[in-house]
Amino acid sequence: MSKFTKEMVYDYADKLLIGLTEEENRDILNEFKVIEENMNLINAIDGISNVEPMHYPFDIDVDLRDENKIENDNVDELLKNSDKINDREIEVVTVVE
């Protein structure tokens, strides 16, 4: 893994259209340093390269529910639940002006 530099952080910030102060850049570099140290600890585990990556850490079987499609063609009955109706459409209160 390549070392992150101050210039690299500024370059990535510019590409993301994020303005960084000197202090923010230093904080990000410190965070990357901690991440890199943790990655080195993980890579130092004996036999880690022989372990297949997992998408989910627990070995469980889950029975998913059956998807039963409910059809309701009675639009007029459904529209009775609304206070404001305009040509079989529900009027919604304007939220943004």
PDB file of N, CA and C in Angstrom:
ATOM      1  N   MET A   1       0.845  -1.182   0.000  1.00  0.00           N
ATOM      2  CA  MET A   1       0.000   0.000   0.000  1.00  0.00           C
ATOM      3  C   MET A   1       0.890   1.245   0.000  1.00  0.00           C
ATOM      4  N   SER A   2       0.569   2.173  -0.875  1.00  0.00           N
ATOM      5  CA  SER A   2       1.386   3.381  -0.947  1.00  0.00           C
ATOM      6  C   SER A   2       1.014   4.322   0.192  1.00  0.00           C
ATOM      7  N   LYS A   3       1.979   5.095   0.625  1.00  0.00           N
ATOM      8  CA  LYS A   3       1.758   6.070   1.692  1.00  0.00           C
ATOM      9  C   LYS A   3       0.982   7.259   1.138  1.00  0.00           C
ATOM     10  N   PHE A   4       0.024   7.722   1.919  1.00  0.00           N
ATOM     11  CA  PHE A   4      -0.708   8.912   1.523  1.00  0.00           C
ATOM     12  C   PHE A   4       0.116  10.136   1.889  1.00  0.00           C
ATOM     13  N   THR A   5       0.142  11.078   0.981  1.00  0.00           N
ATOM     14  CA  THR A   5       0.884  12.309   1.219  1.00  0.00           C
ATOM     15  C   THR A   5      -0.096  13.474   1.293  1.00  0.00           C
ATOM     16  N   LYS A   6       0.404  14.576   1.784  1.00  0.00           N
ATOM     17  CA  LYS A   6      -0.399  15.792   1.880  1.00  0.00           C
ATOM     18  C   LYS A   6      -0.914  16.202   0.500  1.00  0.00           C
ATOM     19  N   GLU A   7      -0.060  16.077  -0.509  1.00  0.00           N
ATOM     20  CA  GLU A   7      -0.438  16.454  -1.868  1.00  0.00           C
ATOM     21  C   GLU A   7      -1.529  15.546  -2.416  1.00  0.00           C
ATOM     22  N   MET A   8      -1.435  14.240  -2.095  1.00  0.00           N
ATOM     23  CA  MET A   8      -2.458  13.297  -2.559  1.00  0.00           C
ATOM     24  C   MET A   8      -3.825  13.641  -1.965  1.00  0.00           C
ATOM     25  N   VAL A   9      -3.852  13.983  -0.678  1.00  0.00           N
ATOM     26  CA  VAL A   9      -5.112  14.328  -0.017  1.00  0.00           C
ATOM     27  C   VAL A   9      -5.704  15.583  -0.649  1.00  0.00           C
ATOM     28  N   TYR A  10      -4.873  16.595  -0.888  1.00  0.00           N
ATOM     29  CA  TYR A  10      -5.363  17.814  -1.542  1.00  0.00           C
ATOM     30  C   TYR A  10      -5.868  17.513  -2.950  1.00  0.00           C
ATOM     31  N   ASP A  11      -5.173  16.645  -3.677  1.00  0.00           N
ATOM     32  CA  ASP A  11      -5.579  16.291  -5.029  1.00  0.00           C
ATOM     33  C   ASP A  11      -6.945  15.593  -5.020  1.00  0.00           C
ATOM     34  N   TYR A  12      -7.126  14.619  -4.120  1.00  0.00           N
ATOM     35  CA  TYR A  12      -8.415  13.931  -4.019  1.00  0.00           C
ATOM     36  C   TYR A  12      -9.517  14.901  -3.595  1.00  0.00           C
ATOM     37  N   ALA A  13      -9.216  15.800  -2.673  1.00  0.00           N
ATOM     38  CA  ALA A  13     -10.203  16.784  -2.220  1.00  0.00           C
ATOM     39  C   ALA A  13     -10.610  17.692  -3.384  1.00  0.00           C
ATOM     40  N   ASP A  14      -9.652  18.097  -4.194  1.00  0.00           N
ATOM     41  CA  ASP A  14      -9.964  18.935  -5.363  1.00  0.00           C
ATOM     42  C   ASP A  14     -10.853  18.188  -6.347  1.00  0.00           C
ATOM     43  N   LYS A  15     -10.569  16.907  -6.569  1.00  0.00           N
ATOM     44  CA  LYS A  15     -11.383  16.112  -7.489  1.00  0.00           C
ATOM     45  C   LYS A  15     -12.805  15.952  -6.981  1.00  0.00           C
ATOM     46  N   LEU A  16     -12.972  15.927  -5.661  1.00  0.00           N
ATOM     47  CA  LEU A  16     -14.295  15.805  -5.059  1.00  0.00           C
ATOM     48  C   LEU A  16     -14.941  17.163  -4.789  1.00  0.00           C
ATOM     49  N   LEU A  17     -14.253  18.225  -5.208  1.00  0.00           N
ATOM     50  CA  LEU A  17     -14.715  19.601  -5.019  1.00  0.00           C
ATOM     51  C   LEU A  17     -14.921  19.924  -3.540  1.00  0.00           C
ATOM     52  N   ILE A  18     -13.979  19.456  -2.724  1.00  0.00           N
ATOM     53  CA  ILE A  18     -14.007  19.713  -1.285  1.00  0.00           C
ATOM     54  C   ILE A  18     -12.802  20.580  -0.954  1.00  0.00           C
ATOM     55  N   GLY A  19     -13.053  21.680  -0.306  1.00  0.00           N
ATOM     56  CA  GLY A  19     -11.948  22.533   0.134  1.00  0.00           C
ATOM     57  C   GLY A  19     -11.470  22.078   1.504  1.00  0.00           C
ATOM     58  N   LEU A  20     -10.179  21.872   1.663  1.00  0.00           N
ATOM     59  CA  LEU A  20      -9.624  21.416   2.929  1.00  0.00           C
ATOM     60  C   LEU A  20      -8.687  22.471   3.511  1.00  0.00           C
ATOM     61  N   THR A  21      -8.752  22.599   4.820  1.00  0.00           N
ATOM     62  CA  THR A  21      -7.776  23.442   5.500  1.00  0.00           C
ATOM     63  C   THR A  21      -6.558  22.586   5.814  1.00  0.00           C
ATOM     64  N   GLU A  22      -5.500  23.234   6.243  1.00  0.00           N
ATOM     65  CA  GLU A  22      -4.277  22.515   6.617  1.00  0.00           C
ATOM     66  C   GLU A  22      -4.559  21.538   7.768  1.00  0.00           C
ATOM     67  N   GLU A  23      -5.374  21.975   8.719  1.00  0.00           N
ATOM     68  CA  GLU A  23      -5.701  21.116   9.867  1.00  0.00           C
ATOM     69  C   GLU A  23      -6.523  19.901   9.443  1.00  0.00           C
ATOM     70  N   GLU A  24      -7.491  20.100   8.533  1.00  0.00           N
ATOM     71  CA  GLU A  24      -8.300  18.986   8.040  1.00  0.00           C
ATOM     72  C   GLU A  24      -7.438  17.987   7.280  1.00  0.00           C
ATOM     73  N   ASN A  25      -6.499  18.491   6.479  1.00  0.00           N
ATOM     74  CA  ASN A  25      -5.587  17.617   5.749  1.00  0.00           C
ATOM     75  C   ASN A  25      -4.763  16.791   6.732  1.00  0.00           C
ATOM     76  N   ARG A  26      -4.268  17.411   7.768  1.00  0.00           N
ATOM     77  CA  ARG A  26      -3.463  16.716   8.781  1.00  0.00           C
ATOM     78  C   ARG A  26      -4.305  15.647   9.496  1.00  0.00           C
ATOM     79  N   ASP A  27      -5.579  15.982   9.801  1.00  0.00           N
ATOM     80  CA  ASP A  27      -6.465  15.009  10.440  1.00  0.00           C
ATOM     81  C   ASP A  27      -6.703  13.797   9.548  1.00  0.00           C
ATOM     82  N   ILE A  28      -6.911  14.044   8.269  1.00  0.00           N
ATOM     83  CA  ILE A  28      -7.131  12.942   7.324  1.00  0.00           C
ATOM     84  C   ILE A  28      -5.894  12.070   7.235  1.00  0.00           C
ATOM     85  N   LEU A  29      -4.722  12.682   7.162  1.00  0.00           N
ATOM     86  CA  LEU A  29      -3.483  11.895   7.109  1.00  0.00           C
ATOM     87  C   LEU A  29      -3.313  11.058   8.370  1.00  0.00           C
ATOM     88  N   ASN A  30      -3.682  11.597   9.529  1.00  0.00           N
ATOM     89  CA  ASN A  30      -3.607  10.826  10.775  1.00  0.00           C
ATOM     90  C   ASN A  30      -4.579   9.647  10.755  1.00  0.00           C
ATOM     91  N   GLU A  31      -5.770   9.857  10.199  1.00  0.00           N
ATOM     92  CA  GLU A  31      -6.738   8.768  10.099  1.00  0.00           C
ATOM     93  C   GLU A  31      -6.225   7.670   9.172  1.00  0.00           C
ATOM     94  N   PHE A  32      -5.630   8.070   8.046  1.00  0.00           N
ATOM     95  CA  PHE A  32      -5.074   7.076   7.130  1.00  0.00           C
ATOM     96  C   PHE A  32      -3.919   6.318   7.775  1.00  0.00           C
ATOM     97  N   LYS A  33      -3.164   6.989   8.624  1.00  0.00           N
ATOM     98  CA  LYS A  33      -2.068   6.330   9.325  1.00  0.00           C
ATOM     99  C   LYS A  33      -2.609   5.232  10.232  1.00  0.00           C
ATOM    100  N   VAL A  34      -3.692   5.513  10.954  1.00  0.00           N
ATOM    101  CA  VAL A  34      -4.316   4.511  11.826  1.00  0.00           C
ATOM    102  C   VAL A  34      -4.864   3.347  10.998  1.00  0.00           C
ATOM    103  N   ILE A  35      -5.506   3.664   9.887  1.00  0.00           N
ATOM    104  CA  ILE A  35      -6.041   2.610   9.011  1.00  0.00           C
ATOM    105  C   ILE A  35      -4.914   1.741   8.487  1.00  0.00           C
ATOM    106  N   GLU A  36      -3.826   2.353   8.057  1.00  0.00           N
ATOM    107  CA  GLU A  36      -2.691   1.592   7.539  1.00  0.00           C
ATOM    108  C   GLU A  36      -2.074   0.698   8.614  1.00  0.00           C
ATOM    109  N   GLU A  37      -1.976   1.202   9.845  1.00  0.00           N
ATOM    110  CA  GLU A  37      -1.445   0.389  10.939  1.00  0.00           C
ATOM    111  C   GLU A  37      -2.338  -0.823  11.197  1.00  0.00           C
ATOM    112  N   ASN A  38      -3.644  -0.626  11.165  1.00  0.00           N
ATOM    113  CA  ASN A  38      -4.570  -1.739  11.365  1.00  0.00           C
ATOM    114  C   ASN A  38      -4.500  -2.749  10.226  1.00  0.00           C
ATOM    115  N   MET A  39      -4.350  -2.261   8.999  1.00  0.00           N
ATOM    116  CA  MET A  39      -4.203  -3.165   7.851  1.00  0.00           C
ATOM    117  C   MET A  39      -2.926  -3.991   7.974  1.00  0.00           C
ATOM    118  N   ASN A  40      -1.855  -3.359   8.448  1.00  0.00           N
ATOM    119  CA  ASN A  40      -0.602  -4.093   8.638  1.00  0.00           C
ATOM    120  C   ASN A  40      -0.752  -5.162   9.709  1.00  0.00           C
ATOM    121  N   LEU A  41      -1.516  -4.874  10.771  1.00  0.00           N
ATOM    122  CA  LEU A  41      -1.766  -5.879  11.804  1.00  0.00           C
ATOM    123  C   LEU A  41      -2.536  -7.065  11.236  1.00  0.00           C
ATOM    124  N   ILE A  42      -3.537  -6.771  10.432  1.00  0.00           N
ATOM    125  CA  ILE A  42      -4.324  -7.849   9.820  1.00  0.00           C
ATOM    126  C   ILE A  42      -3.460  -8.673   8.877  1.00  0.00           C
ATOM    127  N   ASN A  43      -2.651  -8.010   8.063  1.00  0.00           N
ATOM    128  CA  ASN A  43      -1.791  -8.722   7.109  1.00  0.00           C
ATOM    129  C   ASN A  43      -0.716  -9.540   7.790  1.00  0.00           C
ATOM    130  N   ALA A  44      -0.397  -9.224   9.041  1.00  0.00           N
ATOM    131  CA  ALA A  44       0.630  -9.966   9.776  1.00  0.00           C
ATOM    132  C   ALA A  44       0.109 -11.272  10.371  1.00  0.00           C
ATOM    133  N   ILE A  45      -1.184 -11.518  10.308  1.00  0.00           N
ATOM    134  CA  ILE A  45      -1.755 -12.759  10.843  1.00  0.00           C
ATOM    135  C   ILE A  45      -1.288 -13.928   9.983  1.00  0.00           C
ATOM    136  N   ASP A  46      -0.791 -14.982  10.648  1.00  0.00           N
ATOM    137  CA  ASP A  46      -0.304 -16.167   9.923  1.00  0.00           C
ATOM    138  C   ASP A  46      -1.433 -16.807   9.129  1.00  0.00           C
ATOM    139  N   GLY A  47      -1.176 -17.066   7.857  1.00  0.00           N
ATOM    140  CA  GLY A  47      -2.124 -17.771   7.000  1.00  0.00           C
ATOM    141  C   GLY A  47      -3.283 -16.933   6.506  1.00  0.00           C
ATOM    142  N   ILE A  48      -3.242 -15.646   6.711  1.00  0.00           N
ATOM    143  CA  ILE A  48      -4.367 -14.791   6.299  1.00  0.00           C
ATOM    144  C   ILE A  48      -4.564 -14.822   4.782  1.00  0.00           C
ATOM    145  N   SER A  49      -3.507 -15.019   4.036  1.00  0.00           N
ATOM    146  CA  SER A  49      -3.628 -15.048   2.575  1.00  0.00           C
ATOM    147  C   SER A  49      -4.305 -16.326   2.087  1.00  0.00           C
ATOM    148  N   ASN A  50      -4.409 -17.341   2.945  1.00  0.00           N
ATOM    149  CA  ASN A  50      -5.046 -18.600   2.559  1.00  0.00           C
ATOM    150  C   ASN A  50      -6.537 -18.627   2.899  1.00  0.00           C
ATOM    151  N   VAL A  51      -7.035 -17.583   3.507  1.00  0.00           N
ATOM    152  CA  VAL A  51      -8.436 -17.531   3.918  1.00  0.00           C
ATOM    153  C   VAL A  51      -9.257 -16.835   2.835  1.00  0.00           C
ATOM    154  N   GLU A  52     -10.374 -17.476   2.460  1.00  0.00           N
ATOM    155  CA  GLU A  52     -11.240 -16.893   1.442  1.00  0.00           C
ATOM    156  C   GLU A  52     -12.073 -15.765   2.047  1.00  0.00           C
ATOM    157  N   PRO A  53     -12.173 -14.632   1.372  1.00  0.00           N
ATOM    158  CA  PRO A  53     -12.975 -13.522   1.893  1.00  0.00           C
ATOM    159  C   PRO A  53     -14.448 -13.922   2.046  1.00  0.00           C
ATOM    160  N   MET A  54     -15.094 -13.353   3.060  1.00  0.00           N
ATOM    161  CA  MET A  54     -16.505 -13.648   3.316  1.00  0.00           C
ATOM    162  C   MET A  54     -17.336 -12.376   3.118  1.00  0.00           C
ATOM    163  N   HIS A  55     -18.536 -12.567   2.598  1.00  0.00           N
ATOM    164  CA  HIS A  55     -19.449 -11.437   2.445  1.00  0.00           C
ATOM    165  C   HIS A  55     -20.227 -11.197   3.723  1.00  0.00           C
ATOM    166  N   TYR A  56     -20.463 -12.260   4.483  1.00  0.00           N
ATOM    167  CA  TYR A  56     -21.212 -12.185   5.728  1.00  0.00           C
ATOM    168  C   TYR A  56     -20.499 -13.079   6.732  1.00  0.00           C
ATOM    169  N   PRO A  57     -20.195 -12.600   7.914  1.00  0.00           N
ATOM    170  CA  PRO A  57     -19.331 -13.351   8.824  1.00  0.00           C
ATOM    171  C   PRO A  57     -19.974 -14.541   9.532  1.00  0.00           C
ATOM    172  N   PHE A  58     -21.293 -14.685   9.464  1.00  0.00           N
ATOM    173  CA  PHE A  58     -21.958 -15.755  10.185  1.00  0.00           C
ATOM    174  C   PHE A  58     -22.505 -16.796   9.220  1.00  0.00           C
ATOM    175  N   ASP A  59     -22.388 -18.041   9.564  1.00  0.00           N
ATOM    176  CA  ASP A  59     -22.867 -19.136   8.728  1.00  0.00           C
ATOM    177  C   ASP A  59     -24.274 -19.503   9.183  1.00  0.00           C
ATOM    178  N   ILE A  60     -25.274 -18.860   8.595  1.00  0.00           N
ATOM    179  CA  ILE A  60     -26.655 -19.132   8.964  1.00  0.00           C
ATOM    180  C   ILE A  60     -27.499 -19.300   7.708  1.00  0.00           C
ATOM    181  N   ASP A  61     -28.575 -20.051   7.852  1.00  0.00           N
ATOM    182  CA  ASP A  61     -29.551 -20.196   6.778  1.00  0.00           C
ATOM    183  C   ASP A  61     -30.797 -19.422   7.166  1.00  0.00           C
ATOM    184  N   VAL A  62     -31.292 -18.644   6.258  1.00  0.00           N
ATOM    185  CA  VAL A  62     -32.463 -17.828   6.530  1.00  0.00           C
ATOM    186  C   VAL A  62     -33.568 -18.247   5.576  1.00  0.00           C
ATOM    187  N   ASP A  63     -34.722 -18.534   6.147  1.00  0.00           N
ATOM    188  CA  ASP A  63     -35.884 -18.826   5.314  1.00  0.00           C
ATOM    189  C   ASP A  63     -36.606 -17.520   5.039  1.00  0.00           C
ATOM    190  N   LEU A  64     -36.599 -17.122   3.781  1.00  0.00           N
ATOM    191  CA  LEU A  64     -37.256 -15.884   3.394  1.00  0.00           C
ATOM    192  C   LEU A  64     -38.740 -16.121   3.196  1.00  0.00           C
ATOM    193  N   ARG A  65     -39.519 -15.103   3.423  1.00  0.00           N
ATOM    194  CA  ARG A  65     -40.963 -15.247   3.264  1.00  0.00           C
ATOM    195  C   ARG A  65     -41.320 -15.344   1.787  1.00  0.00           C
ATOM    196  N   ASP A  66     -42.441 -15.968   1.523  1.00  0.00           N
ATOM    197  CA  ASP A  66     -42.943 -16.039   0.159  1.00  0.00           C
ATOM    198  C   ASP A  66     -43.503 -14.688  -0.236  1.00  0.00           C
ATOM    199  N   GLU A  67     -43.221 -14.270  -1.439  1.00  0.00           N
ATOM    200  CA  GLU A  67     -43.751 -13.024  -1.949  1.00  0.00           C
ATOM    201  C   GLU A  67     -45.095 -13.299  -2.615  1.00  0.00           C
ATOM    202  N   ASN A  68     -46.144 -12.976  -1.914  1.00  0.00           N
ATOM    203  CA  ASN A  68     -47.479 -13.144  -2.470  1.00  0.00           C
ATOM    204  C   ASN A  68     -47.993 -11.785  -2.904  1.00  0.00           C
ATOM    205  N   LYS A  69     -48.160 -11.638  -4.185  1.00  0.00           N
ATOM    206  CA  LYS A  69     -48.620 -10.371  -4.721  1.00  0.00           C
ATOM    207  C   LYS A  69     -50.106 -10.210  -4.427  1.00  0.00           C
ATOM    208  N   ILE A  70     -50.433  -9.069  -3.850  1.00  0.00           N
ATOM    209  CA  ILE A  70     -51.832  -8.778  -3.550  1.00  0.00           C
ATOM    210  C   ILE A  70     -52.336  -7.809  -4.606  1.00  0.00           C
ATOM    211  N   GLU A  71     -53.355  -8.230  -5.306  1.00  0.00           N
ATOM    212  CA  GLU A  71     -53.912  -7.371  -6.337  1.00  0.00           C
ATOM    213  C   GLU A  71     -55.220  -6.786  -5.848  1.00  0.00           C
ATOM    214  N   ASN A  72     -55.389  -5.517  -6.066  1.00  0.00           N
ATOM    215  CA  ASN A  72     -56.616  -4.841  -5.680  1.00  0.00           C
ATOM    216  C   ASN A  72     -56.970  -3.885  -6.805  1.00  0.00           C
ATOM    217  N   ASP A  73     -57.980  -4.242  -7.553  1.00  0.00           N
ATOM    218  CA  ASP A  73     -58.388  -3.429  -8.693  1.00  0.00           C
ATOM    219  C   ASP A  73     -59.472  -2.418  -8.336  1.00  0.00           C
ATOM    220  N   ASN A  74     -59.906  -2.428  -7.109  1.00  0.00           N
ATOM    221  CA  ASN A  74     -60.990  -1.558  -6.720  1.00  0.00           C
ATOM    222  C   ASN A  74     -60.437  -0.188  -6.306  1.00  0.00           C
ATOM    223  N   VAL A  75     -60.108   0.642  -7.295  1.00  0.00           N
ATOM    224  CA  VAL A  75     -59.505   1.943  -7.064  1.00  0.00           C
ATOM    225  C   VAL A  75     -60.469   2.859  -6.321  1.00  0.00           C
ATOM    226  N   ASP A  76     -61.737   2.797  -6.669  1.00  0.00           N
ATOM    227  CA  ASP A  76     -62.715   3.668  -6.024  1.00  0.00           C
ATOM    228  C   ASP A  76     -62.785   3.395  -4.524  1.00  0.00           C
ATOM    229  N   GLU A  77     -62.672   2.148  -4.149  1.00  0.00           N
ATOM    230  CA  GLU A  77     -62.690   1.789  -2.730  1.00  0.00           C
ATOM    231  C   GLU A  77     -61.447   2.335  -2.023  1.00  0.00           C
ATOM    232  N   LEU A  78     -60.309   2.277  -2.691  1.00  0.00           N
ATOM    233  CA  LEU A  78     -59.072   2.800  -2.114  1.00  0.00           C
ATOM    234  C   LEU A  78     -59.099   4.323  -1.995  1.00  0.00           C
ATOM    235  N   LEU A  79     -59.697   4.995  -2.958  1.00  0.00           N
ATOM    236  CA  LEU A  79     -59.741   6.450  -2.946  1.00  0.00           C
ATOM    237  C   LEU A  79     -60.616   7.002  -1.825  1.00  0.00           C
ATOM    238  N   LYS A  80     -61.470   6.176  -1.261  1.00  0.00           N
ATOM    239  CA  LYS A  80     -62.303   6.616  -0.141  1.00  0.00           C
ATOM    240  C   LYS A  80     -61.461   6.959   1.087  1.00  0.00           C
ATOM    241  N   ASN A  81     -60.202   6.487   1.132  1.00  0.00           N
ATOM    242  CA  ASN A  81     -59.322   6.755   2.265  1.00  0.00           C
ATOM    243  C   ASN A  81     -58.711   8.150   2.224  1.00  0.00           C
ATOM    244  N   SER A  82     -58.854   8.844   1.122  1.00  0.00           N
ATOM    245  CA  SER A  82     -58.250  10.158   0.972  1.00  0.00           C
ATOM    246  C   SER A  82     -59.298  11.259   1.081  1.00  0.00           C
ATOM    247  N   ASP A  83     -58.872  12.401   1.637  1.00  0.00           N
ATOM    248  CA  ASP A  83     -59.781  13.530   1.777  1.00  0.00           C
ATOM    249  C   ASP A  83     -59.926  14.317   0.473  1.00  0.00           C
ATOM    250  N   LYS A  84     -58.830  14.440  -0.280  1.00  0.00           N
ATOM    251  CA  LYS A  84     -58.853  15.253  -1.494  1.00  0.00           C
ATOM    252  C   LYS A  84     -58.579  14.372  -2.707  1.00  0.00           C
ATOM    253  N   ILE A  85     -59.541  14.325  -3.612  1.00  0.00           N
ATOM    254  CA  ILE A  85     -59.413  13.496  -4.811  1.00  0.00           C
ATOM    255  C   ILE A  85     -59.721  14.365  -6.027  1.00  0.00           C
ATOM    256  N   ASN A  86     -58.930  14.176  -7.100  1.00  0.00           N
ATOM    257  CA  ASN A  86     -59.142  14.916  -8.336  1.00  0.00           C
ATOM    258  C   ASN A  86     -58.984  13.941  -9.491  1.00  0.00           C
ATOM    259  N   ASP A  87     -60.078  13.593 -10.133  1.00  0.00           N
ATOM    260  CA  ASP A  87     -60.071  12.659 -11.272  1.00  0.00           C
ATOM    261  C   ASP A  87     -59.344  11.358 -10.941  1.00  0.00           C
ATOM    262  N   ARG A  88     -59.762  10.698  -9.916  1.00  0.00           N
ATOM    263  CA  ARG A  88     -59.203   9.410  -9.480  1.00  0.00           C
ATOM    264  C   ARG A  88     -57.723   9.511  -9.126  1.00  0.00           C
ATOM    265  N   GLU A  89     -57.288  10.689  -8.724  1.00  0.00           N
ATOM    266  CA  GLU A  89     -55.939  10.906  -8.224  1.00  0.00           C
ATOM    267  C   GLU A  89     -56.026  11.595  -6.881  1.00  0.00           C
ATOM    268  N   ILE A  90     -55.083  11.282  -6.003  1.00  0.00           N
ATOM    269  CA  ILE A  90     -55.064  11.884  -4.679  1.00  0.00           C
ATOM    270  C   ILE A  90     -54.285  13.178  -4.735  1.00  0.00           C
ATOM    271  N   GLU A  91     -54.861  14.264  -4.199  1.00  0.00           N
ATOM    272  CA  GLU A  91     -54.169  15.539  -4.125  1.00  0.00           C
ATOM    273  C   GLU A  91     -53.278  15.545  -2.887  1.00  0.00           C
ATOM    274  N   VAL A  92     -52.029  15.938  -3.082  1.00  0.00           N
ATOM    275  CA  VAL A  92     -51.059  15.976  -1.992  1.00  0.00           C
ATOM    276  C   VAL A  92     -50.770  17.422  -1.652  1.00  0.00           C
ATOM    277  N   VAL A  93     -50.660  17.708  -0.363  1.00  0.00           N
ATOM    278  CA  VAL A  93     -50.376  19.054   0.098  1.00  0.00           C
ATOM    279  C   VAL A  93     -48.982  19.452  -0.357  1.00  0.00           C
ATOM    280  N   THR A  94     -48.818  20.691  -0.831  1.00  0.00           N
ATOM    281  CA  THR A  94     -47.514  21.179  -1.258  1.00  0.00           C
ATOM    282  C   THR A  94     -46.620  21.327  -0.033  1.00  0.00           C
ATOM    283  N   VAL A  95     -45.437  20.740  -0.088  1.00  0.00           N
ATOM    284  CA  VAL A  95     -44.521  20.771   1.042  1.00  0.00           C
ATOM    285  C   VAL A  95     -43.478  21.866   0.851  1.00  0.00           C
ATOM    286  N   VAL A  96     -43.000  22.063  -0.375  1.00  0.00           N
ATOM    287  CA  VAL A  96     -41.970  23.049  -0.671  1.00  0.00           C
ATOM    288  C   VAL A  96     -42.596  24.169  -1.484  1.00  0.00           C
ATOM    289  N   GLU A  97     -42.277  25.385  -1.094  1.00  0.00           N
ATOM    290  CA  GLU A  97     -42.835  26.524  -1.846  1.00  0.00           C
ATOM    291  C   GLU A  97     -41.816  27.052  -2.814  1.00  0.00           C
TER     292      GLU A  97
END
